[in-house]
PDB file of all heavy atoms in Angstrom:
ATOM      1  N   SER A   1      52.139-205.947  72.234  1.00  0.00           N
ATOM      2  CA  SER A   1      51.461-207.226  72.376  1.00  0.00           C
ATOM      3  C   SER A   1      50.450-207.475  71.262  1.00  0.00           C
ATOM      4  O   SER A   1      49.839-206.542  70.734  1.00  0.00           O
ATOM      5  CB  SER A   1      50.731-207.301  73.730  1.00  0.00           C
ATOM      6  OG  SER A   1      51.644-207.357  74.798  1.00  0.00           O
ATOM      7  N   VAL A   2      50.277-208.750  70.917  1.00  0.00           N
ATOM      8  CA  VAL A   2      49.245-209.175  69.983  1.00  0.00           C
ATOM      9  C   VAL A   2      48.656-210.489  70.490  1.00  0.00           C
ATOM     10  O   VAL A   2      49.381-211.350  70.986  1.00  0.00           O
ATOM     11  CB  VAL A   2      49.807-209.345  68.549  1.00  0.00           C
ATOM     12  CG1 VAL A   2      50.908-210.389  68.507  1.00  0.00           C
ATOM     13  CG2 VAL A   2      48.704-209.708  67.568  1.00  0.00           C
ATOM     14  N   VAL A   3      47.339-210.611  70.431  1.00  0.00           N
ATOM     15  CA  VAL A   3      46.679-211.874  70.766  1.00  0.00           C
ATOM     16  C   VAL A   3      46.544-212.676  69.480  1.00  0.00           C
ATOM     17  O   VAL A   3      45.922-212.221  68.514  1.00  0.00           O
ATOM     18  CB  VAL A   3      45.295-211.635  71.401  1.00  0.00           C
ATOM     19  CG1 VAL A   3      44.569-212.963  71.615  1.00  0.00           C
ATOM     20  CG2 VAL A   3      45.457-210.904  72.732  1.00  0.00           C
ATOM     21  N   LEU A   4      47.168-213.854  69.464  1.00  0.00           N
ATOM     22  CA  LEU A   4      47.162-214.718  68.282  1.00  0.00           C
ATOM     23  C   LEU A   4      46.676-216.105  68.698  1.00  0.00           C
ATOM     24  O   LEU A   4      47.416-216.865  69.326  1.00  0.00           O
ATOM     25  CB  LEU A   4      48.554-214.791  67.661  1.00  0.00           C
ATOM     26  CG  LEU A   4      48.698-215.608  66.374  1.00  0.00           C
ATOM     27  CD1 LEU A   4      47.833-215.023  65.258  1.00  0.00           C
ATOM     28  CD2 LEU A   4      50.156-215.672  65.936  1.00  0.00           C
ATOM     29  N   TYR A   5      45.451-216.407  68.355  1.00  0.00           N
ATOM     30  CA  TYR A   5      44.873-217.700  68.716  1.00  0.00           C
ATOM     31  C   TYR A   5      45.547-218.819  67.921  1.00  0.00           C
ATOM     32  O   TYR A   5      45.814-218.673  66.726  1.00  0.00           O
ATOM     33  CB  TYR A   5      43.368-217.705  68.449  1.00  0.00           C
ATOM     34  CG  TYR A   5      42.579-216.844  69.399  1.00  0.00           C
ATOM     35  CD1 TYR A   5      42.269-215.515  69.086  1.00  0.00           C
ATOM     36  CD2 TYR A   5      42.149-217.358  70.613  1.00  0.00           C
ATOM     37  CE1 TYR A   5      41.540-214.725  69.968  1.00  0.00           C
ATOM     38  CE2 TYR A   5      41.415-216.576  71.501  1.00  0.00           C
ATOM     39  CZ  TYR A   5      41.121-215.257  71.172  1.00  0.00           C
ATOM     40  OH  TYR A   5      40.410-214.480  72.050  1.00  0.00           O
ATOM     41  N   ASN A   6      45.832-219.918  68.592  1.00  0.00           N
ATOM     42  CA  ASN A   6      46.406-221.074  67.906  1.00  0.00           C
ATOM     43  C   ASN A   6      45.470-221.569  66.814  1.00  0.00           C
ATOM     44  O   ASN A   6      44.252-221.374  66.878  1.00  0.00           O
ATOM     45  CB  ASN A   6      46.648-222.226  68.890  1.00  0.00           C
ATOM     46  CG  ASN A   6      47.744-221.907  69.883  1.00  0.00           C
ATOM     47  OD1 ASN A   6      48.618-221.095  69.624  1.00  0.00           O
ATOM     48  ND2 ASN A   6      47.711-222.559  71.035  1.00  0.00           N
ATOM     49  N   VAL A   7      46.052-222.233  65.830  1.00  0.00           N
ATOM     50  CA  VAL A   7      45.278-222.878  64.778  1.00  0.00           C
ATOM     51  C   VAL A   7      45.826-224.284  64.567  1.00  0.00           C
ATOM     52  O   VAL A   7      46.936-224.608  64.993  1.00  0.00           O
ATOM     53  CB  VAL A   7      45.338-222.099  63.444  1.00  0.00           C
ATOM     54  CG1 VAL A   7      44.640-220.767  63.557  1.00  0.00           C
ATOM     55  CG2 VAL A   7      46.789-221.918  62.980  1.00  0.00           C
ATOM     56  N   MET A   8      45.059-225.110  63.890  1.00  0.00           N
ATOM     57  CA  MET A   8      45.474-226.474  63.599  1.00  0.00           C
ATOM     58  C   MET A   8      45.441-226.698  62.089  1.00  0.00           C
ATOM     59  O   MET A   8      44.440-226.385  61.436  1.00  0.00           O
ATOM     60  CB  MET A   8      44.527-227.473  64.296  1.00  0.00           C
ATOM     61  CG  MET A   8      44.772-228.937  63.954  1.00  0.00           C
ATOM     62  SD  MET A   8      46.466-229.494  64.219  1.00  0.00           S
ATOM     63  CE  MET A   8      46.712-229.053  65.953  1.00  0.00           C
ATOM     64  N   ASP A   9      46.538-227.207  61.560  1.00  0.00           N
ATOM     65  CA  ASP A   9      46.621-227.567  60.149  1.00  0.00           C
ATOM     66  C   ASP A   9      45.928-228.923  59.979  1.00  0.00           C
ATOM     67  O   ASP A   9      46.499-229.965  60.284  1.00  0.00           O
ATOM     68  CB  ASP A   9      48.083-227.637  59.711  1.00  0.00           C
ATOM     69  CG  ASP A   9      48.233-227.886  58.213  1.00  0.00           C
ATOM     70  OD1 ASP A   9      47.307-228.444  57.598  1.00  0.00           O
ATOM     71  OD2 ASP A   9      49.296-227.544  57.663  1.00  0.00           O
ATOM     72  N   GLU A  10      44.689-228.894  59.496  1.00  0.00           N
ATOM     73  CA  GLU A  10      43.892-230.121  59.430  1.00  0.00           C
ATOM     74  C   GLU A  10      44.504-231.142  58.473  1.00  0.00           C
ATOM     75  O   GLU A  10      44.483-232.348  58.755  1.00  0.00           O
ATOM     76  CB  GLU A  10      42.463-229.790  59.002  1.00  0.00           C
ATOM     77  CG  GLU A  10      41.531-230.983  59.052  1.00  0.00           C
ATOM     78  CD  GLU A  10      40.085-230.610  58.820  1.00  0.00           C
ATOM     79  OE1 GLU A  10      39.728-229.431  59.041  1.00  0.00           O
ATOM     80  OE2 GLU A  10      39.302-231.502  58.426  1.00  0.00           O
ATOM     81  N   ASN A  11      45.051-230.687  57.355  1.00  0.00           N
ATOM     82  CA  ASN A  11      45.655-231.623  56.402  1.00  0.00           C
ATOM     83  C   ASN A  11      46.838-232.354  57.019  1.00  0.00           C
ATOM     84  O   ASN A  11      46.979-233.576  56.882  1.00  0.00           O
ATOM     85  CB  ASN A  11      46.092-230.885  55.134  1.00  0.00           C
ATOM     86  CG  ASN A  11      44.917-230.402  54.312  1.00  0.00           C
ATOM     87  OD1 ASN A  11      43.840-230.998  54.347  1.00  0.00           O
ATOM     88  ND2 ASN A  11      45.111-229.324  53.571  1.00  0.00           N
ATOM     89  N   ASN A  12      47.695-231.592  57.715  1.00  0.00           N
ATOM     90  CA  ASN A  12      48.846-232.207  58.371  1.00  0.00           C
ATOM     91  C   ASN A  12      48.399-233.164  59.468  1.00  0.00           C
ATOM     92  O   ASN A  12      48.972-234.250  59.642  1.00  0.00           O
ATOM     93  CB  ASN A  12      49.750-231.113  58.946  1.00  0.00           C
ATOM     94  CG  ASN A  12      50.970-231.657  59.654  1.00  0.00           C
ATOM     95  OD1 ASN A  12      50.981-231.807  60.876  1.00  0.00           O
ATOM     96  ND2 ASN A  12      52.002-231.969  58.901  1.00  0.00           N
ATOM     97  N   LEU A  13      47.361-232.780  60.202  1.00  0.00           N
ATOM     98  CA  LEU A  13      46.833-233.633  61.273  1.00  0.00           C
ATOM     99  C   LEU A  13      46.338-234.961  60.703  1.00  0.00           C
ATOM    100  O   LEU A  13      46.622-236.031  61.249  1.00  0.00           O
ATOM    101  CB  LEU A  13      45.707-232.904  61.998  1.00  0.00           C
ATOM    102  CG  LEU A  13      44.964-233.694  63.085  1.00  0.00           C
ATOM    103  CD1 LEU A  13      45.904-234.060  64.228  1.00  0.00           C
ATOM    104  CD2 LEU A  13      43.777-232.882  63.605  1.00  0.00           C
ATOM    105  N   ARG A  14      45.620-234.903  59.600  1.00  0.00           N
ATOM    106  CA  ARG A  14      45.090-236.135  59.008  1.00  0.00           C
ATOM    107  C   ARG A  14      46.196-236.988  58.396  1.00  0.00           C
ATOM    108  O   ARG A  14      46.098-238.224  58.387  1.00  0.00           O
ATOM    109  CB  ARG A  14      44.011-235.794  57.983  1.00  0.00           C
ATOM    110  CG  ARG A  14      42.755-235.235  58.650  1.00  0.00           C
ATOM    111  CD  ARG A  14      41.581-235.112  57.711  1.00  0.00           C
ATOM    112  NE  ARG A  14      40.415-234.607  58.439  1.00  0.00           N
ATOM    113  CZ  ARG A  14      39.579-235.348  59.143  1.00  0.00           C
ATOM    114  NH1 ARG A  14      39.779-236.662  59.222  1.00  0.00           N
ATOM    115  NH2 ARG A  14      38.554-234.816  59.770  1.00  0.00           N
ATOM    116  N   GLN A  15      47.258-236.363  57.921  1.00  0.00           N
ATOM    117  CA  GLN A  15      48.403-237.126  57.439  1.00  0.00           C
ATOM    118  C   GLN A  15      49.058-237.894  58.580  1.00  0.00           C
ATOM    119  O   GLN A  15      49.435-239.061  58.435  1.00  0.00           O
ATOM    120  CB  GLN A  15      49.425-236.187  56.780  1.00  0.00           C
ATOM    121  CG  GLN A  15      48.981-235.644  55.432  1.00  0.00           C
ATOM    122  CD  GLN A  15      49.889-234.551  54.910  1.00  0.00           C
ATOM    123  OE1 GLN A  15      50.946-234.260  55.486  1.00  0.00           O
ATOM    124  NE2 GLN A  15      49.490-233.912  53.826  1.00  0.00           N
ATOM    125  N   ARG A  16      49.188-237.233  59.737  1.00  0.00           N
ATOM    126  CA  ARG A  16      49.762-237.909  60.906  1.00  0.00           C
ATOM    127  C   ARG A  16      48.829-239.008  61.406  1.00  0.00           C
ATOM    128  O   ARG A  16      49.285-240.074  61.823  1.00  0.00           O
ATOM    129  CB  ARG A  16      50.039-236.889  62.022  1.00  0.00           C
ATOM    130  CG  ARG A  16      51.220-235.990  61.744  1.00  0.00           C
ATOM    131  CD  ARG A  16      51.667-235.225  62.974  1.00  0.00           C
ATOM    132  NE  ARG A  16      50.812-234.098  63.268  1.00  0.00           N
ATOM    133  CZ  ARG A  16      50.038-233.999  64.333  1.00  0.00           C
ATOM    134  NH1 ARG A  16      49.989-234.990  65.219  1.00  0.00           N
ATOM    135  NH2 ARG A  16      49.304-232.924  64.542  1.00  0.00           N
ATOM    136  N   MET A  17      47.532-238.743  61.356  1.00  0.00           N
ATOM    137  CA  MET A  17      46.561-239.743  61.799  1.00  0.00           C
ATOM    138  C   MET A  17      46.666-240.998  60.943  1.00  0.00           C
ATOM    139  O   MET A  17      46.533-242.129  61.438  1.00  0.00           O
ATOM    140  CB  MET A  17      45.158-239.158  61.727  1.00  0.00           C
ATOM    141  CG  MET A  17      44.092-240.063  62.310  1.00  0.00           C
ATOM    142  SD  MET A  17      42.447-239.301  62.243  1.00  0.00           S
ATOM    143  CE  MET A  17      42.081-239.465  60.506  1.00  0.00           C
ATOM    144  N   ALA A  18      46.937-240.841  59.654  1.00  0.00           N
ATOM    145  CA  ALA A  18      47.003-241.977  58.739  1.00  0.00           C
ATOM    146  C   ALA A  18      48.189-242.893  59.024  1.00  0.00           C
ATOM    147  O   ALA A  18      48.202-244.048  58.574  1.00  0.00           O
ATOM    148  CB  ALA A  18      47.057-241.477  57.297  1.00  0.00           C
ATOM    149  N   LEU A  19      49.172-242.387  59.768  1.00  0.00           N
ATOM    150  CA  LEU A  19      50.336-243.206  60.106  1.00  0.00           C
ATOM    151  C   LEU A  19      49.995-244.292  61.126  1.00  0.00           C
ATOM    152  O   LEU A  19      50.731-245.273  61.267  1.00  0.00           O
ATOM    153  CB  LEU A  19      51.465-242.313  60.658  1.00  0.00           C
ATOM    154  CG  LEU A  19      52.024-241.258  59.697  1.00  0.00           C
ATOM    155  CD1 LEU A  19      53.030-240.369  60.430  1.00  0.00           C
ATOM    156  CD2 LEU A  19      52.657-241.901  58.473  1.00  0.00           C
ATOM    157  N   ASP A  20      48.890-244.115  61.835  1.00  0.00           N
ATOM    158  CA  ASP A  20      48.451-245.082  62.844  1.00  0.00           C
ATOM    159  C   ASP A  20      47.316-245.917  62.239  1.00  0.00           C
ATOM    160  O   ASP A  20      46.217-245.421  62.007  1.00  0.00           O
ATOM    161  CB  ASP A  20      47.960-244.338  64.095  1.00  0.00           C
ATOM    162  CG  ASP A  20      47.594-245.275  65.241  1.00  0.00           C
ATOM    163  OD1 ASP A  20      47.562-246.507  65.030  1.00  0.00           O
ATOM    164  OD2 ASP A  20      47.337-244.760  66.354  1.00  0.00           O
ATOM    165  N   THR A  21      47.594-247.173  61.970  1.00  0.00           N
ATOM    166  CA  THR A  21      46.604-248.045  61.323  1.00  0.00           C
ATOM    167  C   THR A  21      45.731-248.809  62.316  1.00  0.00           C
ATOM    168  O   THR A  21      44.914-249.637  61.916  1.00  0.00           O
ATOM    169  CB  THR A  21      47.321-249.049  60.399  1.00  0.00           C
ATOM    170  OG1 THR A  21      48.253-249.810  61.177  1.00  0.00           O
ATOM    171  CG2 THR A  21      48.053-248.322  59.275  1.00  0.00           C
ATOM    172  N   ASN A  22      45.897-248.548  63.607  1.00  0.00           N
ATOM    173  CA  ASN A  22      45.086-249.221  64.626  1.00  0.00           C
ATOM    174  C   ASN A  22      43.694-248.601  64.700  1.00  0.00           C
ATOM    175  O   ASN A  22      43.472-247.456  64.295  1.00  0.00           O
ATOM    176  CB  ASN A  22      45.762-249.111  65.994  1.00  0.00           C
ATOM    177  CG  ASN A  22      47.077-249.851  66.043  1.00  0.00           C
ATOM    178  OD1 ASN A  22      47.151-251.017  65.678  1.00  0.00           O
ATOM    179  ND2 ASN A  22      48.135-249.175  66.481  1.00  0.00           N
ATOM    180  N   ASN A  23      42.763-249.369  65.233  1.00  0.00           N
ATOM    181  CA  ASN A  23      41.427-248.867  65.530  1.00  0.00           C
ATOM    182  C   ASN A  23      41.211-248.884  67.041  1.00  0.00           C
ATOM    183  O   ASN A  23      41.656-249.807  67.731  1.00  0.00           O
ATOM    184  CB  ASN A  23      40.359-249.736  64.852  1.00  0.00           C
ATOM    185  CG  ASN A  23      40.386-249.612  63.341  1.00  0.00           C
ATOM    186  OD1 ASN A  23      40.459-248.502  62.811  1.00  0.00           O
ATOM    187  ND2 ASN A  23      40.323-250.730  62.641  1.00  0.00           N
ATOM    188  N   TYR A  24      40.542-247.855  67.551  1.00  0.00           N
ATOM    189  CA  TYR A  24      40.332-247.708  68.993  1.00  0.00           C
ATOM    190  C   TYR A  24      38.838-247.576  69.270  1.00  0.00           C
ATOM    191  O   TYR A  24      38.087-247.036  68.442  1.00  0.00           O
ATOM    192  CB  TYR A  24      41.084-246.471  69.511  1.00  0.00           C
ATOM    193  CG  TYR A  24      42.560-246.491  69.180  1.00  0.00           C
ATOM    194  CD1 TYR A  24      43.041-245.875  68.023  1.00  0.00           C
ATOM    195  CD2 TYR A  24      43.470-247.134  70.006  1.00  0.00           C
ATOM    196  CE1 TYR A  24      44.396-245.893  67.714  1.00  0.00           C
ATOM    197  CE2 TYR A  24      44.836-247.159  69.701  1.00  0.00           C
ATOM    198  CZ  TYR A  24      45.276-246.549  68.551  1.00  0.00           C
ATOM    199  OH  TYR A  24      46.621-246.581  68.238  1.00  0.00           O
ATOM    200  N   ASP A  25      38.408-248.042  70.424  1.00  0.00           N
ATOM    201  CA  ASP A  25      36.978-247.997  70.748  1.00  0.00           C
ATOM    202  C   ASP A  25      36.709-247.287  72.065  1.00  0.00           C
ATOM    203  O   ASP A  25      35.824-247.675  72.832  1.00  0.00           O
ATOM    204  CB  ASP A  25      36.385-249.403  70.767  1.00  0.00           C
ATOM    205  CG  ASP A  25      36.998-250.302  71.849  1.00  0.00           C
ATOM    206  OD1 ASP A  25      38.024-249.909  72.441  1.00  0.00           O
ATOM    207  OD2 ASP A  25      36.442-251.388  72.110  1.00  0.00           O
ATOM    208  N   PHE A  26      37.450-246.233  72.338  1.00  0.00           N
ATOM    209  CA  PHE A  26      37.252-245.472  73.574  1.00  0.00           C
ATOM    210  C   PHE A  26      36.043-244.553  73.438  1.00  0.00           C
ATOM    211  O   PHE A  26      35.810-243.959  72.384  1.00  0.00           O
ATOM    212  CB  PHE A  26      38.495-244.653  73.915  1.00  0.00           C
ATOM    213  CG  PHE A  26      39.699-245.499  74.202  1.00  0.00           C
ATOM    214  CD1 PHE A  26      40.792-245.492  73.342  1.00  0.00           C
ATOM    215  CD2 PHE A  26      39.734-246.317  75.315  1.00  0.00           C
ATOM    216  CE1 PHE A  26      41.911-246.281  73.608  1.00  0.00           C
ATOM    217  CE2 PHE A  26      40.840-247.113  75.585  1.00  0.00           C
ATOM    218  CZ  PHE A  26      41.929-247.092  74.720  1.00  0.00           C
ATOM    219  N   ASP A  27      35.293-244.428  74.521  1.00  0.00           N
ATOM    220  CA  ASP A  27      34.193-243.476  74.564  1.00  0.00           C
ATOM    221  C   ASP A  27      34.695-242.069  74.858  1.00  0.00           C
ATOM    222  O   ASP A  27      34.229-241.095  74.266  1.00  0.00           O
ATOM    223  CB  ASP A  27      33.181-243.883  75.648  1.00  0.00           C
ATOM    224  CG  ASP A  27      32.553-245.227  75.376  1.00  0.00           C
ATOM    225  OD1 ASP A  27      31.954-245.387  74.302  1.00  0.00           O
ATOM    226  OD2 ASP A  27      32.695-246.137  76.227  1.00  0.00           O
ATOM    227  N   ILE A  28      35.630-241.991  75.795  1.00  0.00           N
ATOM    228  CA  ILE A  28      36.127-240.701  76.283  1.00  0.00           C
ATOM    229  C   ILE A  28      37.643-240.738  76.250  1.00  0.00           C
ATOM    230  O   ILE A  28      38.258-241.754  76.603  1.00  0.00           O
ATOM    231  CB  ILE A  28      35.635-240.434  77.720  1.00  0.00           C
ATOM    232  CG1 ILE A  28      34.104-240.319  77.755  1.00  0.00           C
ATOM    233  CG2 ILE A  28      36.282-239.184  78.307  1.00  0.00           C
ATOM    234  CD1 ILE A  28      33.528-240.303  79.165  1.00  0.00           C
ATOM    235  N   ILE A  29      38.256-239.629  75.847  1.00  0.00           N
ATOM    236  CA  ILE A  29      39.713-239.549  75.852  1.00  0.00           C
ATOM    237  C   ILE A  29      40.177-238.245  76.493  1.00  0.00           C
ATOM    238  O   ILE A  29      39.558-237.190  76.312  1.00  0.00           O
ATOM    239  CB  ILE A  29      40.280-239.673  74.419  1.00  0.00           C
ATOM    240  CG1 ILE A  29      41.807-239.854  74.447  1.00  0.00           C
ATOM    241  CG2 ILE A  29      39.878-238.491  73.540  1.00  0.00           C
ATOM    242  CD1 ILE A  29      42.408-240.285  73.124  1.00  0.00           C
ATOM    243  N   PHE A  30      41.223-238.364  77.296  1.00  0.00           N
ATOM    244  CA  PHE A  30      41.937-237.204  77.824  1.00  0.00           C
ATOM    245  C   PHE A  30      43.351-237.279  77.273  1.00  0.00           C
ATOM    246  O   PHE A  30      43.997-238.332  77.346  1.00  0.00           O
ATOM    247  CB  PHE A  30      41.977-237.198  79.357  1.00  0.00           C
ATOM    248  CG  PHE A  30      42.963-236.197  79.908  1.00  0.00           C
ATOM    249  CD1 PHE A  30      42.572-234.889  80.136  1.00  0.00           C
ATOM    250  CD2 PHE A  30      44.288-236.552  80.155  1.00  0.00           C
ATOM    251  CE1 PHE A  30      43.489-233.951  80.606  1.00  0.00           C
ATOM    252  CE2 PHE A  30      45.195-235.626  80.623  1.00  0.00           C
ATOM    253  CZ  PHE A  30      44.798-234.317  80.847  1.00  0.00           C
ATOM    254  N   ILE A  31      43.861-236.164  76.746  1.00  0.00           N
ATOM    255  CA  ILE A  31      45.236-236.097  76.246  1.00  0.00           C
ATOM    256  C   ILE A  31      45.912-234.899  76.888  1.00  0.00           C
ATOM    257  O   ILE A  31      45.482-233.759  76.712  1.00  0.00           O
ATOM    258  CB  ILE A  31      45.283-235.957  74.713  1.00  0.00           C
ATOM    259  CG1 ILE A  31      44.561-237.121  74.038  1.00  0.00           C
ATOM    260  CG2 ILE A  31      46.730-235.888  74.219  1.00  0.00           C
ATOM    261  CD1 ILE A  31      44.425-236.975  72.524  1.00  0.00           C
ATOM    262  N   GLY A  32      46.971-235.133  77.634  1.00  0.00           N
ATOM    263  CA  GLY A  32      47.690-234.032  78.266  1.00  0.00           C
ATOM    264  C   GLY A  32      48.647-234.509  79.333  1.00  0.00           C
ATOM    265  O   GLY A  32      48.703-235.698  79.661  1.00  0.00           O
ATOM    266  N   ARG A  33      49.368-233.602  79.886  1.00  0.00           N
ATOM    267  CA  ARG A  33      50.349-233.923  80.917  1.00  0.00           C
ATOM    268  C   ARG A  33      49.648-234.246  82.234  1.00  0.00           C
ATOM    269  O   ARG A  33      48.609-233.669  82.555  1.00  0.00           O
ATOM    270  CB  ARG A  33      51.307-232.745  81.133  1.00  0.00           C
ATOM    271  CG  ARG A  33      52.110-232.356  79.903  1.00  0.00           C
ATOM    272  CD  ARG A  33      52.961-231.135  80.197  1.00  0.00           C
ATOM    273  NE  ARG A  33      53.629-230.644  79.006  1.00  0.00           N
ATOM    274  CZ  ARG A  33      54.372-229.540  78.970  1.00  0.00           C
ATOM    275  NH1 ARG A  33      54.511-228.805  80.060  1.00  0.00           N
ATOM    276  NH2 ARG A  33      54.964-229.166  77.850  1.00  0.00           N
ATOM    277  N   MET A  34      50.247-235.137  82.978  1.00  0.00           N
ATOM    278  CA  MET A  34      49.742-235.461  84.312  1.00  0.00           C
ATOM    279  C   MET A  34      50.361-234.476  85.315  1.00  0.00           C
ATOM    280  O   MET A  34      51.261-234.805  86.067  1.00  0.00           O
ATOM    281  CB  MET A  34      50.079-236.903  84.669  1.00  0.00           C
ATOM    282  CG  MET A  34      49.312-237.925  83.844  1.00  0.00           C
ATOM    283  SD  MET A  34      49.644-239.602  84.408  1.00  0.00           S
ATOM    284  CE  MET A  34      48.481-240.531  83.418  1.00  0.00           C
ATOM    285  N   THR A  35      49.854-233.251  85.279  1.00  0.00           N
ATOM    286  CA  THR A  35      50.396-232.182  86.101  1.00  0.00           C
ATOM    287  C   THR A  35      49.259-231.436  86.794  1.00  0.00           C
ATOM    288  O   THR A  35      48.079-231.575  86.424  1.00  0.00           O
ATOM    289  CB  THR A  35      51.206-231.190  85.243  1.00  0.00           C
ATOM    290  OG1 THR A  35      50.346-230.675  84.205  1.00  0.00           O
ATOM    291  CG2 THR A  35      52.400-231.861  84.592  1.00  0.00           C
TER     292      THR A  35
END
């Protein structure tokens, strides 16, 4: 066994973010499955 903490590729994340040209004004956000 090995414990391997997840990581996030910030450059890739910002590239994906740039694909959405909308602006949002939410104070709080939840993202996940309704389970």
